[in-house]
Amino acid sequence: MEAVVSNLEQLGNGLQDIEELLTLAAEENDETTIAAVLRDLEQYERQVAALEFQRMFCGEMDPCNAFLDIQPVPAAPRPRTGRRCCCGCICAGGSGVASRPI
């Protein structure tokens, strides 16, 4: 927990420094410094993404090996035996023939 808090404090301080440097560079129209600040900002983005990834996997069971892949599968066409078959077949008790039209 201390490591996470320390990382967050370092990120916060670094982002404040970047903000100040970017403001000064923009006032002086210093393209070189602005480009360097943007490169540093990309590094901070990667660090924030890594912390977010760690946050997503900080639960009790997260160290366990598992992989879940959910993909939509098109529904298979249902055979129709009569008018409004969906409810009729269910009401027929699986015989496939509805006792009365629905």
Protein backbone atom coordinates (compact mmCIF):
# COMPACT_ATOMS: atom_id res chain seq x y z
CA MET A 1 0.00 0.00 0.00
CA GLU A 2 2.88 2.34 0.80
CA ALA A 3 4.36 1.77 -2.65
CA VAL A 4 1.06 2.74 -4.31
CA VAL A 5 0.74 5.90 -2.21
CA SER A 6 4.36 6.79 -2.92
CA ASN A 7 3.83 6.28 -6.67
CA LEU A 8 0.72 8.46 -6.60
CA GLU A 9 2.54 11.22 -4.73
CA GLN A 10 5.42 11.10 -7.22
CA LEU A 11 2.98 11.22 -10.14
CA GLY A 12 1.13 14.16 -8.61
CA ASN A 13 4.32 16.11 -7.96
CA GLY A 14 5.65 15.31 -11.42
CA LEU A 15 2.42 16.42 -13.08
CA GLN A 16 2.49 19.70 -11.15
CA ASP A 17 6.06 20.27 -12.32
CA ILE A 18 5.05 19.48 -15.91
CA GLU A 19 2.14 21.90 -15.69
CA GLU A 20 4.41 24.72 -14.49
CA LEU A 21 7.08 23.96 -17.09
CA LEU A 22 4.50 23.77 -19.88
CA THR A 23 3.01 27.10 -18.83
CA LEU A 24 6.43 28.78 -18.89
CA ALA A 25 7.35 27.17 -22.22
CA ALA A 26 4.05 28.27 -23.75
CA GLU A 27 4.55 31.86 -22.56
CA GLU A 28 8.02 31.96 -24.11
CA ASN A 29 6.89 29.97 -27.18
CA ASP A 30 9.73 27.45 -26.64
CA GLU A 31 8.94 24.59 -29.03
CA THR A 32 11.84 22.40 -27.82
CA THR A 33 10.73 22.53 -24.20
CA ILE A 34 7.11 21.92 -25.15
CA ALA A 35 8.12 18.80 -27.11
CA ALA A 36 10.20 17.56 -24.14
CA VAL A 37 7.29 18.15 -21.76
CA LEU A 38 4.93 16.22 -24.03
CA ARG A 39 7.36 13.27 -24.08
CA ASP A 40 7.50 13.36 -20.28
CA LEU A 41 3.71 13.52 -20.17
CA GLU A 42 3.52 10.33 -22.27
CA GLN A 43 5.72 8.60 -19.69
CA TYR A 44 3.36 9.71 -16.92
CA GLU A 45 0.41 8.39 -18.94
CA ARG A 46 2.07 4.95 -19.11
CA GLN A 47 2.67 5.00 -15.35
CA VAL A 48 -0.97 5.91 -14.68
CA ALA A 49 -2.12 3.11 -17.02
CA ALA A 50 0.10 0.62 -15.15
CA LEU A 51 -1.36 1.73 -11.80
CA GLU A 52 -4.89 1.42 -13.21
CA PHE A 53 -4.10 -2.12 -14.40
CA GLN A 54 -2.80 -3.02 -10.93
CA ARG A 55 -5.94 -1.54 -9.37
CA MET A 56 -8.17 -3.71 -11.57
CA PHE A 57 -6.40 -6.85 -10.35
CA CYS A 58 -6.07 -6.27 -6.63
CA GLY A 59 -8.85 -8.60 -5.42
CA GLU A 60 -8.55 -11.72 -3.31
CA MET A 61 -8.74 -14.17 -6.24
CA ASP A 62 -6.79 -12.12 -8.78
CA PRO A 63 -3.44 -13.94 -8.29
CA CYS A 64 -5.17 -17.18 -9.39
CA ASN A 65 -4.69 -18.22 -13.00
CA ALA A 66 -7.85 -17.78 -15.06
CA PHE A 67 -8.82 -16.50 -18.48
CA LEU A 68 -12.33 -15.64 -19.55
CA ASP A 69 -13.23 -14.82 -23.12
CA ILE A 70 -16.85 -13.88 -23.80
CA GLN A 71 -17.89 -13.72 -27.42
CA PRO A 72 -21.39 -13.31 -28.80
CA VAL A 73 -22.74 -16.28 -30.72
CA PRO A 74 -25.59 -15.90 -33.19
CA ALA A 75 -28.75 -17.55 -31.96
CA ALA A 76 -29.67 -20.81 -33.66
CA PRO A 77 -32.94 -20.66 -35.60
CA ARG A 78 -35.81 -22.22 -33.68
CA PRO A 79 -38.02 -24.72 -35.47
CA ARG A 80 -41.60 -23.60 -35.77
CA THR A 81 -44.44 -26.07 -35.64
CA GLY A 82 -47.37 -23.73 -35.71
CA ARG A 83 -48.69 -20.31 -35.05
CA ARG A 84 -46.90 -18.54 -32.21
CA CYS A 85 -44.84 -21.60 -31.50
CA CYS A 86 -42.70 -20.12 -28.75
CA CYS A 87 -45.37 -20.12 -26.05
CA GLY A 88 -47.46 -22.91 -27.57
CA CYS A 89 -44.71 -25.51 -27.40
CA ILE A 90 -43.84 -24.56 -23.87
CA CYS A 91 -47.49 -24.82 -22.84
CA ALA A 92 -47.75 -28.21 -24.56
CA GLY A 93 -45.28 -29.67 -22.11
CA GLY A 94 -42.54 -30.46 -24.61
CA SER A 95 -44.71 -32.51 -26.99
CA GLY A 96 -44.32 -29.85 -29.64
CA VAL A 97 -48.06 -29.64 -30.24
CA ALA A 98 -50.01 -26.93 -28.52
CA SER A 99 -53.34 -28.00 -27.17
CA ARG A 100 -54.94 -24.68 -28.02
CA PRO A 101 -53.88 -21.73 -30.16
CA ILE A 102 -52.40 -18.83 -28.28
